[in-house]
Amino acid sequence: MYKRLCEYIAYIDEQTNPDRLKKLSDKEKEELRDQLLTQTAFFQHERLIHLIVTHIFATVTIVTLVAMMYFKTIPILILFVLELGLLFPYIIHYYHLENGTQTLYTFYDRFCGRTFGDKYNEKDRESE
């Protein structure tokens, strides 16, 4: 999934280049925007699923830690080490999904011609 996300980020980076956007017709821009929103929704769904799985796996790892402290047996220790060894890759994968999805948000903002810096904050405060 991370590889697909990286490939899509590279693709959408190329497509939302301001020089390229100027050459597109309104219909092509609308199709590109719809595609970006659809892909972002797919990655958001994937991110949510991985968040739930990571949370459950972390909870199971903590329960195993408590069981290991209570029962003090080798099989529970081995189970804890295995779970801990898998928990870190889950966390790293979720981290990449989260950051990649956040990157897609910035591409949507670029596509819409918005930047969120000091200028945005000033305009936002003036309109309120």
N, C-alpha and C. Protein backbone atom coordinates (compact mmCIF):
# COMPACT_ATOMS: atom_id res chain seq x y z
N MET A 1 0.83 -1.19 0.00
CA MET A 1 0.00 0.00 0.00
C MET A 1 0.88 1.25 0.00
N TYR A 2 1.97 1.22 0.76
CA TYR A 2 2.84 2.38 0.82
C TYR A 2 3.44 2.67 -0.55
N LYS A 3 3.81 1.60 -1.28
CA LYS A 3 4.37 1.78 -2.62
C LYS A 3 3.34 2.45 -3.54
N ARG A 4 2.11 2.00 -3.46
CA ARG A 4 1.04 2.58 -4.28
C ARG A 4 0.82 4.05 -3.92
N LEU A 5 0.85 4.35 -2.64
CA LEU A 5 0.69 5.73 -2.19
C LEU A 5 1.82 6.61 -2.71
N CYS A 6 3.06 6.13 -2.65
CA CYS A 6 4.19 6.90 -3.16
C CYS A 6 4.08 7.12 -4.67
N GLU A 7 3.65 6.10 -5.39
CA GLU A 7 3.47 6.24 -6.84
C GLU A 7 2.37 7.25 -7.15
N TYR A 8 1.29 7.22 -6.40
CA TYR A 8 0.21 8.16 -6.66
C TYR A 8 0.63 9.58 -6.29
N ILE A 9 1.39 9.74 -5.22
CA ILE A 9 1.87 11.07 -4.85
C ILE A 9 2.76 11.63 -5.95
N ALA A 10 3.64 10.80 -6.52
CA ALA A 10 4.50 11.27 -7.61
C ALA A 10 3.65 11.66 -8.83
N TYR A 11 2.63 10.85 -9.12
CA TYR A 11 1.75 11.14 -10.26
C TYR A 11 0.99 12.44 -10.05
N ILE A 12 0.40 12.61 -8.88
CA ILE A 12 -0.44 13.79 -8.64
C ILE A 12 0.44 15.04 -8.49
N ASP A 13 1.67 14.87 -8.04
CA ASP A 13 2.60 16.00 -7.99
C ASP A 13 2.85 16.53 -9.40
N GLU A 14 3.05 15.62 -10.31
CA GLU A 14 3.26 16.01 -11.71
C GLU A 14 2.00 16.66 -12.29
N GLN A 15 0.85 16.10 -11.98
CA GLN A 15 -0.41 16.59 -12.55
C GLN A 15 -0.83 17.94 -11.99
N THR A 16 -0.49 18.22 -10.74
CA THR A 16 -0.92 19.47 -10.12
C THR A 16 0.14 20.57 -10.21
N ASN A 17 1.15 20.33 -10.99
CA ASN A 17 2.14 21.36 -11.24
C ASN A 17 1.41 22.56 -11.82
N PRO A 18 1.63 23.77 -11.29
CA PRO A 18 0.89 24.95 -11.76
C PRO A 18 0.99 25.17 -13.28
N ASP A 19 2.15 24.91 -13.86
CA ASP A 19 2.29 25.07 -15.31
C ASP A 19 1.41 24.08 -16.07
N ARG A 20 1.35 22.86 -15.57
CA ARG A 20 0.52 21.83 -16.21
C ARG A 20 -0.96 22.14 -16.03
N LEU A 21 -1.34 22.61 -14.85
CA LEU A 21 -2.75 22.92 -14.59
C LEU A 21 -3.27 24.01 -15.53
N LYS A 22 -2.40 24.96 -15.88
CA LYS A 22 -2.83 26.04 -16.77
C LYS A 22 -3.19 25.52 -18.16
N LYS A 23 -2.57 24.41 -18.57
CA LYS A 23 -2.79 23.85 -19.90
C LYS A 23 -4.05 22.97 -19.98
N LEU A 24 -4.59 22.58 -18.83
CA LEU A 24 -5.75 21.68 -18.82
C LEU A 24 -7.04 22.45 -19.03
N SER A 25 -7.99 21.80 -19.68
CA SER A 25 -9.31 22.40 -19.82
C SER A 25 -10.06 22.28 -18.50
N ASP A 26 -11.18 22.98 -18.41
CA ASP A 26 -11.97 22.92 -17.17
C ASP A 26 -12.47 21.51 -16.91
N LYS A 27 -12.86 20.79 -17.95
CA LYS A 27 -13.34 19.42 -17.79
C LYS A 27 -12.22 18.51 -17.30
N GLU A 28 -11.02 18.67 -17.84
CA GLU A 28 -9.89 17.86 -17.40
C GLU A 28 -9.51 18.17 -15.96
N LYS A 29 -9.59 19.44 -15.58
CA LYS A 29 -9.32 19.81 -14.19
C LYS A 29 -10.33 19.19 -13.25
N GLU A 30 -11.59 19.20 -13.65
CA GLU A 30 -12.64 18.62 -12.82
C GLU A 30 -12.45 17.12 -12.67
N GLU A 31 -12.07 16.45 -13.76
CA GLU A 31 -11.81 15.01 -13.69
C GLU A 31 -10.62 14.71 -12.79
N LEU A 32 -9.58 15.53 -12.90
CA LEU A 32 -8.39 15.33 -12.06
C LEU A 32 -8.73 15.57 -10.59
N ARG A 33 -9.53 16.59 -10.32
CA ARG A 33 -9.93 16.88 -8.94
C ARG A 33 -10.77 15.74 -8.38
N ASP A 34 -11.70 15.22 -9.18
CA ASP A 34 -12.53 14.10 -8.72
C ASP A 34 -11.69 12.86 -8.47
N GLN A 35 -10.71 12.63 -9.35
CA GLN A 35 -9.82 11.48 -9.17
C GLN A 35 -9.01 11.64 -7.88
N LEU A 36 -8.51 12.85 -7.64
CA LEU A 36 -7.74 13.11 -6.42
C LEU A 36 -8.59 12.88 -5.17
N LEU A 37 -9.82 13.36 -5.20
CA LEU A 37 -10.70 13.17 -4.05
C LEU A 37 -11.03 11.69 -3.84
N THR A 38 -11.24 10.96 -4.92
CA THR A 38 -11.53 9.53 -4.82
C THR A 38 -10.34 8.76 -4.24
N GLN A 39 -9.16 9.03 -4.78
CA GLN A 39 -7.97 8.34 -4.28
C GLN A 39 -7.68 8.71 -2.83
N THR A 40 -7.89 9.97 -2.48
CA THR A 40 -7.70 10.38 -1.09
C THR A 40 -8.66 9.63 -0.18
N ALA A 41 -9.90 9.46 -0.62
CA ALA A 41 -10.87 8.71 0.19
C ALA A 41 -10.44 7.26 0.36
N PHE A 42 -9.88 6.65 -0.70
CA PHE A 42 -9.39 5.28 -0.60
C PHE A 42 -8.26 5.19 0.43
N PHE A 43 -7.33 6.13 0.36
CA PHE A 43 -6.21 6.11 1.30
C PHE A 43 -6.66 6.44 2.72
N GLN A 44 -7.66 7.28 2.87
CA GLN A 44 -8.21 7.56 4.21
C GLN A 44 -8.83 6.30 4.79
N HIS A 45 -9.54 5.55 3.96
CA HIS A 45 -10.15 4.30 4.42
C HIS A 45 -9.06 3.31 4.85
N GLU A 46 -8.04 3.18 4.03
CA GLU A 46 -6.93 2.29 4.36
C GLU A 46 -6.26 2.73 5.65
N ARG A 47 -6.09 4.03 5.82
CA ARG A 47 -5.47 4.58 7.03
C ARG A 47 -6.32 4.25 8.26
N LEU A 48 -7.64 4.38 8.15
CA LEU A 48 -8.53 4.06 9.27
C LEU A 48 -8.43 2.58 9.64
N ILE A 49 -8.45 1.71 8.64
CA ILE A 49 -8.35 0.27 8.91
C ILE A 49 -7.03 -0.04 9.62
N HIS A 50 -5.94 0.55 9.14
CA HIS A 50 -4.64 0.29 9.77
C HIS A 50 -4.55 0.89 11.16
N LEU A 51 -5.23 2.00 11.40
CA LEU A 51 -5.27 2.56 12.74
C LEU A 51 -5.97 1.60 13.70
N ILE A 52 -7.09 1.05 13.27
CA ILE A 52 -7.84 0.11 14.11
C ILE A 52 -7.01 -1.14 14.39
N VAL A 53 -6.40 -1.69 13.35
CA VAL A 53 -5.59 -2.90 13.51
C VAL A 53 -4.39 -2.63 14.42
N THR A 54 -3.73 -1.51 14.22
CA THR A 54 -2.57 -1.17 15.06
C THR A 54 -2.98 -0.97 16.51
N HIS A 55 -4.11 -0.32 16.72
CA HIS A 55 -4.60 -0.11 18.08
C HIS A 55 -4.93 -1.45 18.76
N ILE A 56 -5.61 -2.32 18.06
CA ILE A 56 -5.95 -3.63 18.64
C ILE A 56 -4.69 -4.43 18.92
N PHE A 57 -3.75 -4.41 17.96
CA PHE A 57 -2.51 -5.16 18.16
C PHE A 57 -1.71 -4.60 19.33
N ALA A 58 -1.69 -3.29 19.50
CA ALA A 58 -0.99 -2.69 20.64
C ALA A 58 -1.66 -3.09 21.95
N THR A 59 -2.98 -3.12 21.95
CA THR A 59 -3.72 -3.52 23.16
C THR A 59 -3.41 -4.98 23.51
N VAL A 60 -3.39 -5.85 22.51
CA VAL A 60 -3.06 -7.25 22.75
C VAL A 60 -1.63 -7.37 23.27
N THR A 61 -0.72 -6.59 22.76
CA THR A 61 0.67 -6.62 23.22
C THR A 61 0.76 -6.18 24.68
N ILE A 62 0.01 -5.17 25.05
CA ILE A 62 0.01 -4.72 26.45
C ILE A 62 -0.60 -5.78 27.36
N VAL A 63 -1.68 -6.41 26.92
CA VAL A 63 -2.28 -7.49 27.71
C VAL A 63 -1.30 -8.63 27.89
N THR A 64 -0.55 -8.95 26.84
CA THR A 64 0.47 -10.00 26.94
C THR A 64 1.57 -9.60 27.91
N LEU A 65 1.94 -8.32 27.91
CA LEU A 65 2.94 -7.82 28.86
C LEU A 65 2.46 -8.00 30.29
N VAL A 66 1.21 -7.65 30.54
CA VAL A 66 0.65 -7.82 31.88
C VAL A 66 0.61 -9.30 32.26
N ALA A 67 0.21 -10.16 31.30
CA ALA A 67 0.18 -11.60 31.57
C ALA A 67 1.59 -12.12 31.85
N MET A 68 2.57 -11.61 31.12
CA MET A 68 3.95 -12.04 31.32
C MET A 68 4.43 -11.65 32.72
N MET A 69 4.05 -10.47 33.17
CA MET A 69 4.46 -10.03 34.51
C MET A 69 3.77 -10.84 35.60
N TYR A 70 2.55 -11.29 35.31
CA TYR A 70 1.78 -12.04 36.31
C TYR A 70 2.20 -13.51 36.34
N PHE A 71 2.30 -14.16 35.16
CA PHE A 71 2.56 -15.60 35.10
C PHE A 71 4.05 -15.94 35.02
N LYS A 72 4.86 -15.07 34.45
CA LYS A 72 6.31 -15.26 34.35
C LYS A 72 6.68 -16.61 33.75
N THR A 73 6.17 -16.87 32.55
CA THR A 73 6.52 -18.12 31.85
C THR A 73 7.21 -17.77 30.53
N ILE A 74 8.02 -18.70 30.06
CA ILE A 74 8.78 -18.50 28.83
C ILE A 74 7.87 -18.37 27.59
N PRO A 75 6.83 -19.21 27.45
CA PRO A 75 5.98 -19.05 26.25
C PRO A 75 5.32 -17.68 26.16
N ILE A 76 4.92 -17.11 27.26
CA ILE A 76 4.31 -15.77 27.23
C ILE A 76 5.37 -14.73 26.90
N LEU A 77 6.59 -14.92 27.38
CA LEU A 77 7.68 -14.02 27.04
C LEU A 77 7.95 -14.06 25.53
N ILE A 78 7.99 -15.27 24.99
CA ILE A 78 8.22 -15.41 23.53
C ILE A 78 7.09 -14.74 22.75
N LEU A 79 5.85 -14.96 23.19
CA LEU A 79 4.70 -14.32 22.53
C LEU A 79 4.82 -12.80 22.59
N PHE A 80 5.22 -12.28 23.74
CA PHE A 80 5.37 -10.83 23.88
C PHE A 80 6.44 -10.28 22.94
N VAL A 81 7.57 -10.97 22.85
CA VAL A 81 8.65 -10.51 21.97
C VAL A 81 8.20 -10.54 20.51
N LEU A 82 7.48 -11.58 20.12
CA LEU A 82 6.97 -11.66 18.75
C LEU A 82 5.96 -10.53 18.46
N GLU A 83 5.06 -10.30 19.39
CA GLU A 83 4.08 -9.22 19.20
C GLU A 83 4.76 -7.86 19.14
N LEU A 84 5.74 -7.66 20.00
CA LEU A 84 6.47 -6.39 20.00
C LEU A 84 7.23 -6.22 18.69
N GLY A 85 7.79 -7.33 18.19
CA GLY A 85 8.50 -7.28 16.91
C GLY A 85 7.59 -6.94 15.74
N LEU A 86 6.32 -7.31 15.82
CA LEU A 86 5.37 -6.97 14.76
C LEU A 86 4.72 -5.60 14.97
N LEU A 87 4.66 -5.16 16.21
CA LEU A 87 4.00 -3.88 16.49
C LEU A 87 4.75 -2.71 15.86
N PHE A 88 6.07 -2.74 15.90
CA PHE A 88 6.83 -1.63 15.33
C PHE A 88 6.62 -1.48 13.82
N PRO A 89 6.64 -2.56 13.03
CA PRO A 89 6.33 -2.39 11.60
C PRO A 89 4.90 -1.87 11.37
N TYR A 90 3.94 -2.29 12.19
CA TYR A 90 2.57 -1.75 12.07
C TYR A 90 2.56 -0.24 12.31
N ILE A 91 3.28 0.20 13.32
CA ILE A 91 3.32 1.62 13.64
C ILE A 91 4.00 2.40 12.51
N ILE A 92 5.09 1.86 11.99
CA ILE A 92 5.80 2.53 10.89
C ILE A 92 4.92 2.60 9.65
N HIS A 93 4.21 1.52 9.34
CA HIS A 93 3.32 1.51 8.18
C HIS A 93 2.19 2.53 8.36
N TYR A 94 1.62 2.58 9.53
CA TYR A 94 0.56 3.56 9.77
C TYR A 94 1.11 4.98 9.66
N TYR A 95 2.30 5.20 10.15
CA TYR A 95 2.95 6.51 10.06
C TYR A 95 3.07 6.95 8.60
N HIS A 96 3.52 6.03 7.74
CA HIS A 96 3.64 6.36 6.31
C HIS A 96 2.28 6.64 5.68
N LEU A 97 1.27 5.87 6.04
CA LEU A 97 -0.08 6.12 5.50
C LEU A 97 -0.60 7.47 5.95
N GLU A 98 -0.39 7.79 7.20
CA GLU A 98 -0.86 9.07 7.73
C GLU A 98 -0.19 10.23 7.02
N ASN A 99 1.12 10.20 6.92
CA ASN A 99 1.85 11.29 6.28
C ASN A 99 1.53 11.38 4.79
N GLY A 100 1.37 10.24 4.13
CA GLY A 100 1.03 10.25 2.71
C GLY A 100 -0.34 10.85 2.47
N THR A 101 -1.29 10.52 3.32
CA THR A 101 -2.63 11.08 3.18
C THR A 101 -2.61 12.58 3.44
N GLN A 102 -1.84 13.01 4.41
CA GLN A 102 -1.70 14.44 4.66
C GLN A 102 -1.08 15.14 3.45
N THR A 103 -0.15 14.47 2.78
CA THR A 103 0.45 15.03 1.57
C THR A 103 -0.60 15.20 0.48
N LEU A 104 -1.52 14.25 0.37
CA LEU A 104 -2.58 14.38 -0.63
C LEU A 104 -3.46 15.59 -0.35
N TYR A 105 -3.65 15.91 0.92
CA TYR A 105 -4.42 17.11 1.26
C TYR A 105 -3.73 18.36 0.71
N THR A 106 -2.40 18.40 0.82
CA THR A 106 -1.68 19.57 0.32
C THR A 106 -1.79 19.66 -1.20
N PHE A 107 -1.83 18.53 -1.88
CA PHE A 107 -2.01 18.56 -3.34
C PHE A 107 -3.40 19.07 -3.70
N TYR A 108 -4.38 18.70 -2.93
CA TYR A 108 -5.73 19.22 -3.20
C TYR A 108 -5.75 20.73 -2.99
N ASP A 109 -5.09 21.19 -1.95
CA ASP A 109 -5.02 22.63 -1.71
C ASP A 109 -4.27 23.34 -2.84
N ARG A 110 -3.20 22.73 -3.32
CA ARG A 110 -2.46 23.30 -4.45
C ARG A 110 -3.36 23.34 -5.68
N PHE A 111 -4.09 22.26 -5.88
CA PHE A 111 -4.99 22.18 -7.03
C PHE A 111 -6.03 23.29 -6.99
N CYS A 112 -6.52 23.58 -5.81
CA CYS A 112 -7.53 24.62 -5.65
C CYS A 112 -6.92 26.01 -5.58
N GLY A 113 -5.59 26.10 -5.62
CA GLY A 113 -4.93 27.39 -5.58
C GLY A 113 -4.85 27.99 -4.20
N ARG A 114 -4.95 27.15 -3.17
CA ARG A 114 -4.91 27.66 -1.80
C ARG A 114 -3.56 27.36 -1.18
N THR A 115 -3.10 28.29 -0.37
CA THR A 115 -1.93 28.06 0.47
C THR A 115 -2.33 28.45 1.88
N PHE A 116 -1.80 27.74 2.84
CA PHE A 116 -2.18 27.98 4.23
C PHE A 116 -0.96 28.41 5.01
N GLY A 117 -0.67 29.66 4.94
CA GLY A 117 0.43 30.25 5.69
C GLY A 117 -0.09 31.49 6.37
N ASP A 118 0.76 32.47 6.52
CA ASP A 118 0.37 33.72 7.17
C ASP A 118 -0.72 34.44 6.38
N LYS A 119 -0.65 34.39 5.04
CA LYS A 119 -1.64 35.07 4.22
C LYS A 119 -3.03 34.50 4.48
N TYR A 120 -3.11 33.18 4.58
CA TYR A 120 -4.41 32.55 4.83
C TYR A 120 -4.97 33.01 6.17
N ASN A 121 -4.12 33.00 7.17
CA ASN A 121 -4.58 33.39 8.50
C ASN A 121 -5.06 34.84 8.52
N GLU A 122 -4.36 35.73 7.81
CA GLU A 122 -4.77 37.13 7.76
C GLU A 122 -6.12 37.28 7.04
N LYS A 123 -6.26 36.60 5.90
CA LYS A 123 -7.51 36.68 5.14
C LYS A 123 -8.67 36.08 5.95
N ASP A 124 -8.37 34.99 6.64
CA ASP A 124 -9.39 34.33 7.44
C ASP A 124 -9.87 35.24 8.57
N ARG A 125 -8.93 35.91 9.20
CA ARG A 125 -9.29 36.80 10.32
C ARG A 125 -10.05 38.02 9.83
N GLU A 126 -9.68 38.52 8.64
CA GLU A 126 -10.38 39.70 8.08
C GLU A 126 -11.81 39.38 7.72
N SER A 127 -12.07 38.15 7.27
CA SER A 127 -13.42 37.80 6.85
C SER A 127 -14.34 37.51 8.02
N GLU A 128 -13.78 37.30 9.20
CA GLU A 128 -14.61 36.96 10.37
C GLU A 128 -15.19 38.17 11.02
